[in-house]
Amino acid sequence: MMNTILLAIGLVLVVEGLGPLLAPQGWRNMVSQLSQQNDNTLRRIGGCLVVAGGVIAYMMYLKI
């Protein structure tokens, strides 16, 4: 179980690092635009990401 959690964290770090590695200027612009959004918009974005991640994790759990 611990190996699976560490694998998941490692994959998140790889995916999160691709933006600044491959397109640093675009990534900086995106972060700048996100910082200007109001709290409700950021909550909606966060909620969508949590739901999407949960669905992906559930699908992988079922091995679909």
PDB file of N, CA and C in Angstrom:
ATOM      1  N   MET A   1       0.824  -1.202   0.000  1.00  0.00           N
ATOM      2  CA  MET A   1       0.000   0.000   0.000  1.00  0.00           C
ATOM      3  C   MET A   1       0.864   1.260   0.000  1.00  0.00           C
ATOM      4  N   MET A   2       1.916   1.258   0.817  1.00  0.00           N
ATOM      5  CA  MET A   2       2.795   2.422   0.873  1.00  0.00           C
ATOM      6  C   MET A   2       3.504   2.642  -0.456  1.00  0.00           C
ATOM      7  N   ASN A   3       3.860   1.539  -1.142  1.00  0.00           N
ATOM      8  CA  ASN A   3       4.498   1.668  -2.445  1.00  0.00           C
ATOM      9  C   ASN A   3       3.570   2.349  -3.443  1.00  0.00           C
ATOM     10  N   THR A   4       2.293   2.022  -3.381  1.00  0.00           N
ATOM     11  CA  THR A   4       1.319   2.620  -4.290  1.00  0.00           C
ATOM     12  C   THR A   4       1.170   4.112  -4.025  1.00  0.00           C
ATOM     13  N   ILE A   5       1.140   4.494  -2.755  1.00  0.00           N
ATOM     14  CA  ILE A   5       1.019   5.913  -2.409  1.00  0.00           C
ATOM     15  C   ILE A   5       2.251   6.674  -2.881  1.00  0.00           C
ATOM     16  N   LEU A   6       3.423   6.111  -2.653  1.00  0.00           N
ATOM     17  CA  LEU A   6       4.656   6.780  -3.095  1.00  0.00           C
ATOM     18  C   LEU A   6       4.722   6.863  -4.621  1.00  0.00           C
ATOM     19  N   LEU A   7       4.247   5.836  -5.314  1.00  0.00           N
ATOM     20  CA  LEU A   7       4.196   5.871  -6.770  1.00  0.00           C
ATOM     21  C   LEU A   7       3.268   6.981  -7.242  1.00  0.00           C
ATOM     22  N   ALA A   8       2.107   7.099  -6.602  1.00  0.00           N
ATOM     23  CA  ALA A   8       1.155   8.145  -6.979  1.00  0.00           C
ATOM     24  C   ALA A   8       1.745   9.535  -6.749  1.00  0.00           C
ATOM     25  N   ILE A   9       2.399   9.727  -5.615  1.00  0.00           N
ATOM     26  CA  ILE A   9       3.019  11.030  -5.338  1.00  0.00           C
ATOM     27  C   ILE A   9       4.109  11.329  -6.358  1.00  0.00           C
ATOM     28  N   GLY A  10       4.905  10.328  -6.683  1.00  0.00           N
ATOM     29  CA  GLY A  10       5.943  10.510  -7.699  1.00  0.00           C
ATOM     30  C   GLY A  10       5.378  10.894  -9.051  1.00  0.00           C
ATOM     31  N   LEU A  11       4.291  10.251  -9.452  1.00  0.00           N
ATOM     32  CA  LEU A  11       3.673  10.578 -10.742  1.00  0.00           C
ATOM     33  C   LEU A  11       3.081  11.980 -10.735  1.00  0.00           C
ATOM     34  N   VAL A  12       2.495  12.398  -9.621  1.00  0.00           N
ATOM     35  CA  VAL A  12       1.969  13.763  -9.510  1.00  0.00           C
ATOM     36  C   VAL A  12       3.105  14.758  -9.679  1.00  0.00           C
ATOM     37  N   LEU A  13       4.233  14.506  -9.030  1.00  0.00           N
ATOM     38  CA  LEU A  13       5.375  15.414  -9.141  1.00  0.00           C
ATOM     39  C   LEU A  13       5.903  15.481 -10.569  1.00  0.00           C
ATOM     40  N   VAL A  14       5.931  14.349 -11.262  1.00  0.00           N
ATOM     41  CA  VAL A  14       6.375  14.342 -12.659  1.00  0.00           C
ATOM     42  C   VAL A  14       5.439  15.181 -13.528  1.00  0.00           C
ATOM     43  N   VAL A  15       4.137  14.957 -13.385  1.00  0.00           N
ATOM     44  CA  VAL A  15       3.158  15.683 -14.204  1.00  0.00           C
ATOM     45  C   VAL A  15       3.191  17.174 -13.879  1.00  0.00           C
ATOM     46  N   GLU A  16       3.272  17.515 -12.586  1.00  0.00           N
ATOM     47  CA  GLU A  16       3.314  18.921 -12.185  1.00  0.00           C
ATOM     48  C   GLU A  16       4.590  19.597 -12.670  1.00  0.00           C
ATOM     49  N   GLY A  17       5.670  18.874 -12.780  1.00  0.00           N
ATOM     50  CA  GLY A  17       6.933  19.458 -13.214  1.00  0.00           C
ATOM     51  C   GLY A  17       7.055  19.644 -14.714  1.00  0.00           C
ATOM     52  N   LEU A  18       6.180  19.012 -15.487  1.00  0.00           N
ATOM     53  CA  LEU A  18       6.273  19.132 -16.945  1.00  0.00           C
ATOM     54  C   LEU A  18       5.990  20.549 -17.433  1.00  0.00           C
ATOM     55  N   GLY A  19       5.044  21.234 -16.802  1.00  0.00           N
ATOM     56  CA  GLY A  19       4.708  22.598 -17.223  1.00  0.00           C
ATOM     57  C   GLY A  19       5.884  23.547 -17.162  1.00  0.00           C
ATOM     58  N   PRO A  20       6.492  23.729 -15.977  1.00  0.00           N
ATOM     59  CA  PRO A  20       7.628  24.642 -15.909  1.00  0.00           C
ATOM     60  C   PRO A  20       8.845  24.151 -16.686  1.00  0.00           C
ATOM     61  N   LEU A  21       8.986  22.839 -16.870  1.00  0.00           N
ATOM     62  CA  LEU A  21      10.131  22.310 -17.612  1.00  0.00           C
ATOM     63  C   LEU A  21      10.012  22.601 -19.106  1.00  0.00           C
ATOM     64  N   LEU A  22       8.836  22.348 -19.670  1.00  0.00           N
ATOM     65  CA  LEU A  22       8.666  22.454 -21.119  1.00  0.00           C
ATOM     66  C   LEU A  22       8.250  23.835 -21.599  1.00  0.00           C
ATOM     67  N   ALA A  23       7.504  24.567 -20.785  1.00  0.00           N
ATOM     68  CA  ALA A  23       7.013  25.888 -21.205  1.00  0.00           C
ATOM     69  C   ALA A  23       7.018  26.839 -20.004  1.00  0.00           C
ATOM     70  N   PRO A  24       8.188  27.282 -19.571  1.00  0.00           N
ATOM     71  CA  PRO A  24       8.237  28.102 -18.358  1.00  0.00           C
ATOM     72  C   PRO A  24       7.481  29.427 -18.470  1.00  0.00           C
ATOM     73  N   GLN A  25       7.538  30.067 -19.620  1.00  0.00           N
ATOM     74  CA  GLN A  25       6.828  31.354 -19.773  1.00  0.00           C
ATOM     75  C   GLN A  25       5.318  31.145 -19.754  1.00  0.00           C
ATOM     76  N   GLY A  26       4.831  30.152 -20.446  1.00  0.00           N
ATOM     77  CA  GLY A  26       3.400  29.855 -20.438  1.00  0.00           C
ATOM     78  C   GLY A  26       2.918  29.451 -19.062  1.00  0.00           C
ATOM     79  N   TRP A  27       3.737  28.680 -18.346  1.00  0.00           N
ATOM     80  CA  TRP A  27       3.387  28.266 -16.989  1.00  0.00           C
ATOM     81  C   TRP A  27       3.322  29.475 -16.063  1.00  0.00           C
ATOM     82  N   ARG A  28       4.273  30.396 -16.217  1.00  0.00           N
ATOM     83  CA  ARG A  28       4.279  31.603 -15.394  1.00  0.00           C
ATOM     84  C   ARG A  28       3.035  32.448 -15.667  1.00  0.00           C
ATOM     85  N   ASN A  29       2.661  32.564 -16.943  1.00  0.00           N
ATOM     86  CA  ASN A  29       1.455  33.321 -17.296  1.00  0.00           C
ATOM     87  C   ASN A  29       0.205  32.671 -16.706  1.00  0.00           C
ATOM     88  N   MET A  30       0.142  31.345 -16.752  1.00  0.00           N
ATOM     89  CA  MET A  30      -1.014  30.639 -16.208  1.00  0.00           C
ATOM     90  C   MET A  30      -1.127  30.873 -14.704  1.00  0.00           C
ATOM     91  N   VAL A  31      -0.014  30.766 -13.990  1.00  0.00           N
ATOM     92  CA  VAL A  31      -0.029  30.982 -12.544  1.00  0.00           C
ATOM     93  C   VAL A  31      -0.428  32.418 -12.229  1.00  0.00           C
ATOM     94  N   SER A  32       0.053  33.354 -13.028  1.00  0.00           N
ATOM     95  CA  SER A  32      -0.303  34.761 -12.827  1.00  0.00           C
ATOM     96  C   SER A  32      -1.801  34.979 -13.016  1.00  0.00           C
ATOM     97  N   GLN A  33      -2.371  34.380 -14.053  1.00  0.00           N
ATOM     98  CA  GLN A  33      -3.806  34.515 -14.300  1.00  0.00           C
ATOM     99  C   GLN A  33      -4.619  33.836 -13.204  1.00  0.00           C
ATOM    100  N   LEU A  34      -4.160  32.685 -12.728  1.00  0.00           N
ATOM    101  CA  LEU A  34      -4.872  32.006 -11.646  1.00  0.00           C
ATOM    102  C   LEU A  34      -4.865  32.827 -10.366  1.00  0.00           C
ATOM    103  N   SER A  35      -3.763  33.512 -10.103  1.00  0.00           N
ATOM    104  CA  SER A  35      -3.679  34.296  -8.869  1.00  0.00           C
ATOM    105  C   SER A  35      -4.618  35.496  -8.894  1.00  0.00           C
ATOM    106  N   GLN A  36      -5.096  35.874 -10.067  1.00  0.00           N
ATOM    107  CA  GLN A  36      -6.001  37.015 -10.184  1.00  0.00           C
ATOM    108  C   GLN A  36      -7.470  36.607 -10.111  1.00  0.00           C
ATOM    109  N   GLN A  37      -7.748  35.302 -10.065  1.00  0.00           N
ATOM    110  CA  GLN A  37      -9.132  34.823 -10.012  1.00  0.00           C
ATOM    111  C   GLN A  37      -9.690  34.994  -8.602  1.00  0.00           C
ATOM    112  N   ASN A  38     -11.004  35.145  -8.516  1.00  0.00           N
ATOM    113  CA  ASN A  38     -11.608  35.257  -7.184  1.00  0.00           C
ATOM    114  C   ASN A  38     -11.698  33.880  -6.527  1.00  0.00           C
ATOM    115  N   ASP A  39     -11.998  33.864  -5.233  1.00  0.00           N
ATOM    116  CA  ASP A  39     -11.985  32.621  -4.463  1.00  0.00           C
ATOM    117  C   ASP A  39     -12.980  31.594  -4.975  1.00  0.00           C
ATOM    118  N   ASN A  40     -14.165  32.015  -5.378  1.00  0.00           N
ATOM    119  CA  ASN A  40     -15.172  31.061  -5.859  1.00  0.00           C
ATOM    120  C   ASN A  40     -14.711  30.358  -7.133  1.00  0.00           C
ATOM    121  N   THR A  41     -14.077  31.079  -8.029  1.00  0.00           N
ATOM    122  CA  THR A  41     -13.573  30.475  -9.260  1.00  0.00           C
ATOM    123  C   THR A  41     -12.496  29.448  -8.936  1.00  0.00           C
ATOM    124  N   LEU A  42     -11.594  29.796  -8.030  1.00  0.00           N
ATOM    125  CA  LEU A  42     -10.544  28.852  -7.648  1.00  0.00           C
ATOM    126  C   LEU A  42     -11.131  27.624  -6.966  1.00  0.00           C
ATOM    127  N   ARG A  43     -12.169  27.804  -6.170  1.00  0.00           N
ATOM    128  CA  ARG A  43     -12.820  26.653  -5.530  1.00  0.00           C
ATOM    129  C   ARG A  43     -13.452  25.740  -6.571  1.00  0.00           C
ATOM    130  N   ARG A  44     -14.074  26.321  -7.576  1.00  0.00           N
ATOM    131  CA  ARG A  44     -14.681  25.502  -8.643  1.00  0.00           C
ATOM    132  C   ARG A  44     -13.617  24.732  -9.405  1.00  0.00           C
ATOM    133  N   ILE A  45     -12.518  25.397  -9.727  1.00  0.00           N
ATOM    134  CA  ILE A  45     -11.417  24.720 -10.425  1.00  0.00           C
ATOM    135  C   ILE A  45     -10.886  23.581  -9.560  1.00  0.00           C
ATOM    136  N   GLY A  46     -10.646  23.867  -8.278  1.00  0.00           N
ATOM    137  CA  GLY A  46     -10.161  22.839  -7.361  1.00  0.00           C
ATOM    138  C   GLY A  46     -11.131  21.683  -7.229  1.00  0.00           C
ATOM    139  N   GLY A  47     -12.423  21.992  -7.146  1.00  0.00           N
ATOM    140  CA  GLY A  47     -13.433  20.946  -7.049  1.00  0.00           C
ATOM    141  C   GLY A  47     -13.462  20.057  -8.272  1.00  0.00           C
ATOM    142  N   CYS A  48     -13.355  20.662  -9.438  1.00  0.00           N
ATOM    143  CA  CYS A  48     -13.325  19.882 -10.682  1.00  0.00           C
ATOM    144  C   CYS A  48     -12.096  18.976 -10.727  1.00  0.00           C
ATOM    145  N   LEU A  49     -10.957  19.492 -10.282  1.00  0.00           N
ATOM    146  CA  LEU A  49      -9.747  18.679 -10.275  1.00  0.00           C
ATOM    147  C   LEU A  49      -9.859  17.522  -9.292  1.00  0.00           C
ATOM    148  N   VAL A  50     -10.461  17.761  -8.136  1.00  0.00           N
ATOM    149  CA  VAL A  50     -10.644  16.694  -7.146  1.00  0.00           C
ATOM    150  C   VAL A  50     -11.573  15.618  -7.698  1.00  0.00           C
ATOM    151  N   VAL A  51     -12.674  16.018  -8.317  1.00  0.00           N
ATOM    152  CA  VAL A  51     -13.613  15.045  -8.887  1.00  0.00           C
ATOM    153  C   VAL A  51     -12.950  14.255 -10.004  1.00  0.00           C
ATOM    154  N   ALA A  52     -12.226  14.943 -10.889  1.00  0.00           N
ATOM    155  CA  ALA A  52     -11.546  14.255 -11.990  1.00  0.00           C
ATOM    156  C   ALA A  52     -10.520  13.261 -11.441  1.00  0.00           C
ATOM    157  N   GLY A  53      -9.752  13.675 -10.443  1.00  0.00           N
ATOM    158  CA  GLY A  53      -8.774  12.777  -9.843  1.00  0.00           C
ATOM    159  C   GLY A  53      -9.430  11.591  -9.166  1.00  0.00           C
ATOM    160  N   GLY A  54     -10.548  11.824  -8.492  1.00  0.00           N
ATOM    161  CA  GLY A  54     -11.272  10.729  -7.860  1.00  0.00           C
ATOM    162  C   GLY A  54     -11.805   9.729  -8.871  1.00  0.00           C
ATOM    163  N   VAL A  55     -12.333  10.223  -9.973  1.00  0.00           N
ATOM    164  CA  VAL A  55     -12.852   9.338 -11.023  1.00  0.00           C
ATOM    165  C   VAL A  55     -11.717   8.513 -11.630  1.00  0.00           C
ATOM    166  N   ILE A  56     -10.592   9.152 -11.905  1.00  0.00           N
ATOM    167  CA  ILE A  56      -9.443   8.425 -12.460  1.00  0.00           C
ATOM    168  C   ILE A  56      -8.951   7.371 -11.469  1.00  0.00           C
ATOM    169  N   ALA A  57      -8.837   7.747 -10.198  1.00  0.00           N
ATOM    170  CA  ALA A  57      -8.382   6.791  -9.187  1.00  0.00           C
ATOM    171  C   ALA A  57      -9.353   5.625  -9.064  1.00  0.00           C
ATOM    172  N   TYR A  58     -10.653   5.910  -9.094  1.00  0.00           N
ATOM    173  CA  TYR A  58     -11.658   4.848  -9.004  1.00  0.00           C
ATOM    174  C   TYR A  58     -11.574   3.922 -10.216  1.00  0.00           C
ATOM    175  N   MET A  59     -11.399   4.498 -11.402  1.00  0.00           N
ATOM    176  CA  MET A  59     -11.291   3.678 -12.608  1.00  0.00           C
ATOM    177  C   MET A  59     -10.043   2.791 -12.540  1.00  0.00           C
ATOM    178  N   MET A  60      -8.947   3.336 -12.042  1.00  0.00           N
ATOM    179  CA  MET A  60      -7.733   2.545 -11.926  1.00  0.00           C
ATOM    180  C   MET A  60      -7.897   1.451 -10.864  1.00  0.00           C
ATOM    181  N   TYR A  61      -8.642   1.774  -9.805  1.00  0.00           N
ATOM    182  CA  TYR A  61      -8.912   0.773  -8.762  1.00  0.00           C
ATOM    183  C   TYR A  61      -9.689  -0.396  -9.332  1.00  0.00           C
ATOM    184  N   LEU A  62     -10.661  -0.086 -10.206  1.00  0.00           N
ATOM    185  CA  LEU A  62     -11.455  -1.141 -10.845  1.00  0.00           C
ATOM    186  C   LEU A  62     -10.723  -1.787 -12.017  1.00  0.00           C
ATOM    187  N   LYS A  63      -9.614  -1.155 -12.440  1.00  0.00           N
ATOM    188  CA  LYS A  63      -8.806  -1.622 -13.579  1.00  0.00           C
ATOM    189  C   LYS A  63      -9.613  -1.679 -14.868  1.00  0.00           C
ATOM    190  N   ILE A  64     -10.333  -0.595 -15.108  1.00  0.00           N
ATOM    191  CA  ILE A  64     -11.109  -0.516 -16.348  1.00  0.00           C
ATOM    192  C   ILE A  64     -10.197  -0.152 -17.481  1.00  0.00           C
TER     193      ILE A  64
END
